[in-house]
């Protein structure tokens, strides 16, 4: 079988409210579900699911290496989002308001 698209990404956390805040308020992704144990976002045709797990061990806070870009130091899974210039500015401004 040849895959037709990348459908879902599942990640886990030990603080669902913090994840909801980051992905909704900072990255401004559209929340498509929110229940006691998980939240979900739609990014184009892709769906990101974030599930609570009290035994989750957060990884290092260091940035992931992203080939082709300067900066990251951790050899682990990384990701990026594509957005237009105006939305990029909105995301950056939401981060700057936190500082």
C-alpha atoms as a PDB file:
ATOM      1  CA  UNK A   1       0.000   0.000   0.000  1.00  0.00           C
ATOM      2  CA  UNK A   2       1.164   3.501  -0.773  1.00  0.00           C
ATOM      3  CA  UNK A   3       0.050   6.084   1.777  1.00  0.00           C
ATOM      4  CA  UNK A   4      -2.169   8.858   0.414  1.00  0.00           C
ATOM      5  CA  UNK A   5      -1.731  11.428   3.154  1.00  0.00           C
ATOM      6  CA  UNK A   6      -0.498  11.987   6.701  1.00  0.00           C
ATOM      7  CA  UNK A   7      -3.752  11.813   8.653  1.00  0.00           C
ATOM      8  CA  UNK A   8      -3.107  12.007  12.388  1.00  0.00           C
ATOM      9  CA  UNK A   9      -0.442  12.878  14.925  1.00  0.00           C
ATOM     10  CA  UNK A  10      -0.938  11.776  18.528  1.00  0.00           C
ATOM     11  CA  UNK A  11       1.039  13.394  21.316  1.00  0.00           C
ATOM     12  CA  UNK A  12       0.728  13.112  25.076  1.00  0.00           C
ATOM     13  CA  UNK A  13       1.074  15.528  27.967  1.00  0.00           C
ATOM     14  CA  UNK A  14       0.644  15.865  31.734  1.00  0.00           C
ATOM     15  CA  UNK A  15      -1.003  19.324  31.542  1.00  0.00           C
ATOM     16  CA  UNK A  16      -3.832  19.429  29.038  1.00  0.00           C
ATOM     17  CA  UNK A  17      -4.855  23.011  29.864  1.00  0.00           C
ATOM     18  CA  UNK A  18      -1.352  24.293  29.139  1.00  0.00           C
ATOM     19  CA  UNK A  19      -1.318  22.448  25.816  1.00  0.00           C
ATOM     20  CA  UNK A  20      -4.747  23.826  24.933  1.00  0.00           C
ATOM     21  CA  UNK A  21      -3.533  27.342  25.750  1.00  0.00           C
ATOM     22  CA  UNK A  22      -0.370  26.973  23.661  1.00  0.00           C
ATOM     23  CA  UNK A  23      -1.957  25.460  20.559  1.00  0.00           C
ATOM     24  CA  UNK A  24      -5.142  27.581  20.709  1.00  0.00           C
ATOM     25  CA  UNK A  25      -3.966  30.953  22.025  1.00  0.00           C
ATOM     26  CA  UNK A  26      -0.351  31.077  20.887  1.00  0.00           C
ATOM     27  CA  UNK A  27      -0.336  29.096  17.624  1.00  0.00           C
ATOM     28  CA  UNK A  28      -4.012  29.960  17.024  1.00  0.00           C
ATOM     29  CA  UNK A  29      -4.939  26.517  15.742  1.00  0.00           C
ATOM     30  CA  UNK A  30      -8.629  25.687  15.487  1.00  0.00           C
ATOM     31  CA  UNK A  31      -9.804  23.450  18.329  1.00  0.00           C
ATOM     32  CA  UNK A  32     -12.090  20.742  16.917  1.00  0.00           C
ATOM     33  CA  UNK A  33     -12.726  18.856  20.138  1.00  0.00           C
ATOM     34  CA  UNK A  34     -12.154  19.286  23.840  1.00  0.00           C
ATOM     35  CA  UNK A  35     -13.055  16.666  26.403  1.00  0.00           C
ATOM     36  CA  UNK A  36     -11.837  15.596  29.828  1.00  0.00           C
ATOM     37  CA  UNK A  37      -8.867  13.597  28.530  1.00  0.00           C
ATOM     38  CA  UNK A  38      -7.962  14.998  25.131  1.00  0.00           C
ATOM     39  CA  UNK A  39      -8.088  17.906  22.727  1.00  0.00           C
ATOM     40  CA  UNK A  40      -7.809  17.973  18.970  1.00  0.00           C
ATOM     41  CA  UNK A  41      -6.902  20.432  16.253  1.00  0.00           C
ATOM     42  CA  UNK A  42      -7.308  20.406  12.480  1.00  0.00           C
ATOM     43  CA  UNK A  43      -4.370  21.690  10.422  1.00  0.00           C
ATOM     44  CA  UNK A  44      -5.320  21.510   6.763  1.00  0.00           C
ATOM     45  CA  UNK A  45      -6.083  17.832   6.180  1.00  0.00           C
ATOM     46  CA  UNK A  46      -4.038  16.793   9.225  1.00  0.00           C
ATOM     47  CA  UNK A  47      -5.444  16.187  12.691  1.00  0.00           C
ATOM     48  CA  UNK A  48      -3.400  16.718  15.860  1.00  0.00           C
ATOM     49  CA  UNK A  49      -4.638  14.888  18.949  1.00  0.00           C
ATOM     50  CA  UNK A  50      -3.238  15.684  22.392  1.00  0.00           C
ATOM     51  CA  UNK A  51      -4.065  13.227  25.167  1.00  0.00           C
ATOM     52  CA  UNK A  52      -3.549  13.583  28.907  1.00  0.00           C
ATOM     53  CA  UNK A  53      -1.454  10.928  30.612  1.00  0.00           C
ATOM     54  CA  UNK A  54      -0.378  11.440  34.232  1.00  0.00           C
ATOM     55  CA  UNK A  55       2.705   9.265  33.671  1.00  0.00           C
ATOM     56  CA  UNK A  56       3.924  11.377  30.742  1.00  0.00           C
ATOM     57  CA  UNK A  57       7.555  12.426  31.139  1.00  0.00           C
ATOM     58  CA  UNK A  58       8.143  15.776  29.385  1.00  0.00           C
ATOM     59  CA  UNK A  59      11.184  15.805  27.080  1.00  0.00           C
ATOM     60  CA  UNK A  60      13.989  18.305  27.430  1.00  0.00           C
ATOM     61  CA  UNK A  61      12.992  21.923  26.838  1.00  0.00           C
ATOM     62  CA  UNK A  62      15.832  22.270  24.311  1.00  0.00           C
ATOM     63  CA  UNK A  63      14.864  22.820  20.684  1.00  0.00           C
ATOM     64  CA  UNK A  64      14.769  19.919  18.238  1.00  0.00           C
ATOM     65  CA  UNK A  65      17.294  19.820  15.424  1.00  0.00           C
ATOM     66  CA  UNK A  66      15.559  20.791  12.182  1.00  0.00           C
ATOM     67  CA  UNK A  67      17.777  20.009   9.198  1.00  0.00           C
ATOM     68  CA  UNK A  68      18.245  23.051   6.990  1.00  0.00           C
ATOM     69  CA  UNK A  69      17.664  25.518   9.852  1.00  0.00           C
ATOM     70  CA  UNK A  70      20.090  26.870  12.440  1.00  0.00           C
ATOM     71  CA  UNK A  71      19.434  26.534  16.124  1.00  0.00           C
ATOM     72  CA  UNK A  72      18.108  23.239  17.444  1.00  0.00           C
ATOM     73  CA  UNK A  73      20.360  20.975  19.504  1.00  0.00           C
ATOM     74  CA  UNK A  74      18.193  17.961  20.451  1.00  0.00           C
ATOM     75  CA  UNK A  75      18.029  14.950  18.105  1.00  0.00           C
ATOM     76  CA  UNK A  76      14.320  14.191  18.497  1.00  0.00           C
ATOM     77  CA  UNK A  77      11.037  14.603  16.657  1.00  0.00           C
ATOM     78  CA  UNK A  78      10.389  18.112  15.433  1.00  0.00           C
ATOM     79  CA  UNK A  79       7.652  19.760  13.390  1.00  0.00           C
ATOM     80  CA  UNK A  80       6.838  22.996  11.671  1.00  0.00           C
ATOM     81  CA  UNK A  81       3.691  24.803  10.572  1.00  0.00           C
ATOM     82  CA  UNK A  82       3.167  26.706   7.353  1.00  0.00           C
ATOM     83  CA  UNK A  83       1.179  29.929   7.496  1.00  0.00           C
ATOM     84  CA  UNK A  84       0.901  33.160   5.564  1.00  0.00           C
ATOM     85  CA  UNK A  85       2.784  36.315   6.568  1.00  0.00           C
ATOM     86  CA  UNK A  86      -0.135  37.997   8.365  1.00  0.00           C
ATOM     87  CA  UNK A  87      -0.887  34.927  10.475  1.00  0.00           C
ATOM     88  CA  UNK A  88       2.805  34.518  11.251  1.00  0.00           C
ATOM     89  CA  UNK A  89       2.853  38.076  12.598  1.00  0.00           C
ATOM     90  CA  UNK A  90      -0.214  37.312  14.769  1.00  0.00           C
ATOM     91  CA  UNK A  91       1.510  34.257  16.225  1.00  0.00           C
ATOM     92  CA  UNK A  92       4.716  36.188  16.943  1.00  0.00           C
ATOM     93  CA  UNK A  93       2.716  39.017  18.576  1.00  0.00           C
ATOM     94  CA  UNK A  94       0.877  36.551  20.810  1.00  0.00           C
ATOM     95  CA  UNK A  95       4.229  35.198  21.995  1.00  0.00           C
ATOM     96  CA  UNK A  96       5.650  38.686  22.549  1.00  0.00           C
ATOM     97  CA  UNK A  97       2.666  39.588  24.742  1.00  0.00           C
ATOM     98  CA  UNK A  98       3.773  36.835  27.126  1.00  0.00           C
ATOM     99  CA  UNK A  99       7.226  38.320  27.635  1.00  0.00           C
END
